C-alpha cells in the first residue's frame, strides 16, 4: 500500500460505475439521511436484515437509526452508495465504522447492501472508500462481527485479510488490519472502479 501521506480524506463524494455499467455515487453519510437509512433497513430482505442486524424485525428502534445517522467523521465514519441512474437517486448500501475515542486506532465495522445490488462489487467499493477514510483518521484495526452462517460475508473479509478470532455462540469475530485490507483491494481486478476510488483519495 502507498504511504499514509499519499492519501487525504477531504473527499466528500466519488462518482463511479459498477461493472454492469450502473452509474453510482459514493458519499459520506449525513444526519439528513436518517429517513433513507430507516427506509433502507425496511427494504432489506428478512435474511439480509438478520445477517446485518442479527434481528429479523423490519424496523429498528429509533435509537439504532439515530446512531447510524449521527456521523461526525471522527468517532463515527460512514459512507453510502446511491444509484444515479434511478429517479431520486435511491440508496444502495452503507458502511459504518465506530470507535470509542477520537484517538483510538481501532473500531467496529459493519456494512449492508440492498439485496438487488448483491454481486455487483458494491461492498468492495464502499470498503475501499471507508477504509481509506479510516486510515487517514488514524484507524489501523477493525473488528467485524459476522453471523457464522453468513458465508458470503466471511469469505469477502477473509479475502481482504481478516483473521478469525473468538466465536461467541452464533457470532464470529474477525480482526482486520486496514492497511492489509487496502492493499488487498488495490490488487483486485474487480470491481473495475476500485482504482477510481483510490485516485479520489490520492493526495495532490
Protein backbone atom coordinates (compact mmCIF):
# COMPACT_ATOMS: atom_id res chain seq x y z
CA UNK A 1 0.00 0.00 0.00
CA UNK A 2 1.13 3.57 -0.63
CA UNK A 3 2.40 5.54 2.35
CA UNK A 4 -0.23 7.26 4.52
CA UNK A 5 0.93 10.63 3.20
CA UNK A 6 -0.20 9.54 -0.25
CA UNK A 7 -3.84 9.74 0.85
CA UNK A 8 -6.13 12.51 2.08
CA UNK A 9 -9.69 12.30 3.33
CA UNK A 10 -11.20 15.62 2.35
CA UNK A 11 -13.22 13.74 -0.26
CA UNK A 12 -16.97 14.23 0.13
CA UNK A 13 -18.16 12.07 -2.75
CA UNK A 14 -16.91 9.96 -5.65
CA UNK A 15 -18.82 9.04 -8.80
CA UNK A 16 -18.08 5.70 -10.43
CA UNK A 17 -19.60 2.90 -12.48
CA UNK A 18 -20.22 -0.64 -11.39
CA UNK A 19 -19.03 -3.47 -13.60
CA UNK A 20 -22.54 -3.71 -15.11
CA UNK A 21 -22.41 -0.01 -16.09
CA UNK A 22 -24.62 1.35 -13.32
CA UNK A 23 -23.73 4.96 -12.53
CA UNK A 24 -23.27 5.32 -8.77
CA UNK A 25 -22.12 7.90 -6.27
CA UNK A 26 -20.28 7.07 -3.08
CA UNK A 27 -20.63 9.79 -0.47
CA UNK A 28 -20.37 10.46 3.22
CA UNK A 29 -23.49 9.69 5.24
CA UNK A 30 -25.15 12.74 6.78
CA UNK A 31 -27.68 13.11 9.59
CA UNK A 32 -30.20 14.25 7.00
CA UNK A 33 -30.04 10.70 5.62
CA UNK A 34 -31.88 9.40 8.68
CA UNK A 35 -35.08 8.78 6.71
CA UNK A 36 -33.20 6.99 3.94
CA UNK A 37 -31.43 4.81 6.50
CA UNK A 38 -34.73 3.79 8.04
CA UNK A 39 -36.18 3.12 4.58
CA UNK A 40 -33.15 1.10 3.56
CA UNK A 41 -33.42 -1.12 6.63
CA UNK A 42 -37.06 -1.86 5.78
CA UNK A 43 -36.13 -2.69 2.17
CA UNK A 44 -33.61 -5.35 3.14
CA UNK A 45 -34.89 -8.89 2.82
CA UNK A 46 -35.64 -10.63 6.10
CA UNK A 47 -32.49 -12.71 5.68
CA UNK A 48 -30.25 -9.73 4.85
CA UNK A 49 -31.67 -7.75 7.77
CA UNK A 50 -30.99 -10.65 10.10
CA UNK A 51 -27.45 -11.08 8.81
CA UNK A 52 -26.71 -7.36 9.25
CA UNK A 53 -28.54 -6.55 12.50
CA UNK A 54 -28.90 -10.05 13.97
CA UNK A 55 -32.63 -9.31 14.04
CA UNK A 56 -35.47 -10.13 11.67
CA UNK A 57 -37.53 -7.07 12.62
CA UNK A 58 -38.45 -4.90 9.63
CA UNK A 59 -37.84 -1.79 11.71
CA UNK A 60 -35.07 -0.90 14.12
CA UNK A 61 -35.57 1.07 17.34
CA UNK A 62 -35.27 4.85 16.79
CA UNK A 63 -32.08 4.82 18.88
CA UNK A 64 -30.42 2.45 16.39
CA UNK A 65 -31.42 4.55 13.37
CA UNK A 66 -30.29 7.72 15.14
CA UNK A 67 -26.92 6.15 15.92
CA UNK A 68 -26.44 5.17 12.28
CA UNK A 69 -27.30 8.71 11.15
CA UNK A 70 -25.15 10.51 13.73
CA UNK A 71 -21.90 10.68 11.80
CA UNK A 72 -19.13 13.02 12.96
CA UNK A 73 -16.33 11.79 10.71
CA UNK A 74 -14.10 11.04 13.69
CA UNK A 75 -15.70 8.61 16.15
CA UNK A 76 -18.29 7.52 13.62
CA UNK A 77 -17.34 7.31 9.96
CA UNK A 78 -19.90 6.24 7.39
CA UNK A 79 -20.16 6.08 3.61
CA UNK A 80 -23.15 5.26 1.47
CA UNK A 81 -23.76 4.48 -2.18
CA UNK A 82 -26.66 5.82 -4.24
CA UNK A 83 -27.93 4.84 -7.68
CA UNK A 84 -27.52 7.79 -10.04
CA UNK A 85 -29.40 6.02 -12.86
CA UNK A 86 -32.71 5.91 -10.98
CA UNK A 87 -35.11 8.71 -10.13
CA UNK A 88 -34.49 10.32 -6.74
CA UNK A 89 -31.12 8.52 -6.53
CA UNK A 90 -32.12 5.76 -4.07
CA UNK A 91 -29.70 4.34 -1.55
CA UNK A 92 -27.96 1.08 -2.42
CA UNK A 93 -25.71 0.39 0.55
CA UNK A 94 -23.97 1.88 3.58
CA UNK A 95 -20.86 1.09 5.62
CA UNK A 96 -20.10 2.28 9.15
CA UNK A 97 -17.12 2.35 11.50
CA UNK A 98 -17.44 3.24 15.19
CA UNK A 99 -14.63 3.79 17.67
CA UNK A 100 -14.70 4.55 21.39
CA UNK A 101 -12.46 7.64 21.42
CA UNK A 102 -11.20 10.16 18.87
CA UNK A 103 -7.63 8.87 19.24
CA UNK A 104 -8.35 5.14 19.23
CA UNK A 105 -6.67 3.26 16.39
CA UNK A 106 -9.33 0.53 16.35
CA UNK A 107 -13.04 0.45 15.63
CA UNK A 108 -16.02 -1.72 14.73
CA UNK A 109 -17.03 -2.16 11.09
CA UNK A 110 -20.37 -3.11 9.55
CA UNK A 111 -21.85 -2.93 6.05
CA UNK A 112 -25.23 -3.56 4.45
CA UNK A 113 -26.08 -3.80 0.74
CA UNK A 114 -29.67 -3.89 -0.52
CA UNK A 115 -30.46 -7.31 -1.97
CA UNK A 116 -30.94 -6.20 -5.58
CA UNK A 117 -27.34 -4.93 -5.65
CA UNK A 118 -25.65 -8.06 -4.34
CA UNK A 119 -22.89 -9.47 -6.52
CA UNK A 120 -22.03 -6.19 -8.25
CA UNK A 121 -18.95 -5.25 -6.24
CA UNK A 122 -20.82 -2.65 -4.17
CA UNK A 123 -19.35 -3.84 -0.86
CA UNK A 124 -15.78 -3.75 -2.15
CA UNK A 125 -16.15 -0.21 -3.46
CA UNK A 126 -17.66 1.02 -0.20
CA UNK A 127 -14.96 -0.74 1.80
CA UNK A 128 -12.29 0.93 -0.31
CA UNK A 129 -13.72 4.38 0.46
CA UNK A 130 -14.35 3.91 4.16
CA UNK A 131 -11.06 2.09 4.81
CA UNK A 132 -9.10 4.91 3.17
CA UNK A 133 -11.08 7.42 5.23
CA UNK A 134 -10.39 5.41 8.39
CA UNK A 135 -6.68 5.17 7.62
CA UNK A 136 -6.41 8.92 7.18
CA UNK A 137 -8.19 9.36 10.54
CA UNK A 138 -5.60 7.23 12.33
CA UNK A 139 -7.55 3.98 12.49
CA UNK A 140 -5.46 0.87 11.88
CA UNK A 141 -7.54 -2.10 13.03
CA UNK A 142 -11.19 -3.09 12.75
CA UNK A 143 -13.32 -5.67 14.50
CA UNK A 144 -16.08 -7.26 12.46
CA UNK A 145 -18.86 -9.38 13.96
CA UNK A 146 -20.50 -11.75 11.49
CA UNK A 147 -23.02 -14.50 11.96
CA UNK A 148 -21.26 -17.81 11.47
CA UNK A 149 -23.87 -18.75 8.87
CA UNK A 150 -23.02 -15.71 6.72
CA UNK A 151 -20.57 -17.47 4.42
CA UNK A 152 -20.53 -14.74 1.75
CA UNK A 153 -19.55 -12.01 4.21
CA UNK A 154 -16.91 -14.12 5.92
CA UNK A 155 -15.47 -15.12 2.55
CA UNK A 156 -15.24 -11.49 1.46
CA UNK A 157 -13.49 -10.20 4.56
CA UNK A 158 -11.13 -13.16 4.61
CA UNK A 159 -10.22 -12.27 1.02
CA UNK A 160 -9.01 -8.86 2.22
CA UNK A 161 -7.02 -10.23 5.13
CA UNK A 162 -9.45 -10.58 8.04
CA UNK A 163 -8.32 -13.04 10.72
CA UNK A 164 -10.89 -15.06 12.68
CA UNK A 165 -10.94 -14.65 16.42
CA UNK A 166 -13.41 -15.52 19.15
CA UNK A 167 -16.59 -17.43 18.46
CA UNK A 168 -19.49 -16.40 20.68
CA UNK A 169 -22.48 -18.58 20.03
CA UNK A 170 -23.71 -17.87 16.51
CA UNK A 171 -21.40 -14.86 16.05
CA UNK A 172 -17.84 -14.99 14.75
CA UNK A 173 -15.44 -12.12 15.45
CA UNK A 174 -12.80 -11.13 12.92
CA UNK A 175 -9.86 -8.75 13.18
CA UNK A 176 -8.85 -6.72 10.15
CA UNK A 177 -5.68 -4.73 9.56
CA UNK A 178 -6.83 -1.74 7.50
CA UNK A 179 -3.52 -1.36 5.67
CA UNK A 180 -3.59 -5.03 4.68
CA UNK A 181 -7.19 -4.67 3.51
CA UNK A 182 -6.47 -1.62 1.36
CA UNK A 183 -3.51 -3.38 -0.21
CA UNK A 184 -5.66 -6.43 -0.98
CA UNK A 185 -8.36 -4.26 -2.54
CA UNK A 186 -5.74 -2.46 -4.66
CA UNK A 187 -4.71 -5.78 -6.17
CA UNK A 188 -8.22 -6.86 -7.14
CA UNK A 189 -9.24 -6.76 -10.80
CA UNK A 190 -12.91 -6.31 -9.94
CA UNK A 191 -14.82 -4.18 -9.46
CA UNK A 192 -13.05 -2.09 -12.06
CA UNK A 193 -13.90 1.17 -10.25
CA UNK A 194 -11.63 0.45 -7.27
CA UNK A 195 -8.77 2.49 -8.84
CA UNK A 196 -11.21 5.42 -9.28
CA UNK A 197 -11.91 5.40 -5.54
CA UNK A 198 -8.19 5.16 -4.77
CA UNK A 199 -7.46 8.05 -7.10
CA UNK A 200 -10.08 10.25 -5.44
CA UNK A 201 -8.29 9.84 -2.09
CA UNK A 202 -4.83 10.37 -3.56
CA UNK A 203 -3.11 13.40 -2.10
CA UNK A 204 -2.30 16.03 -4.71
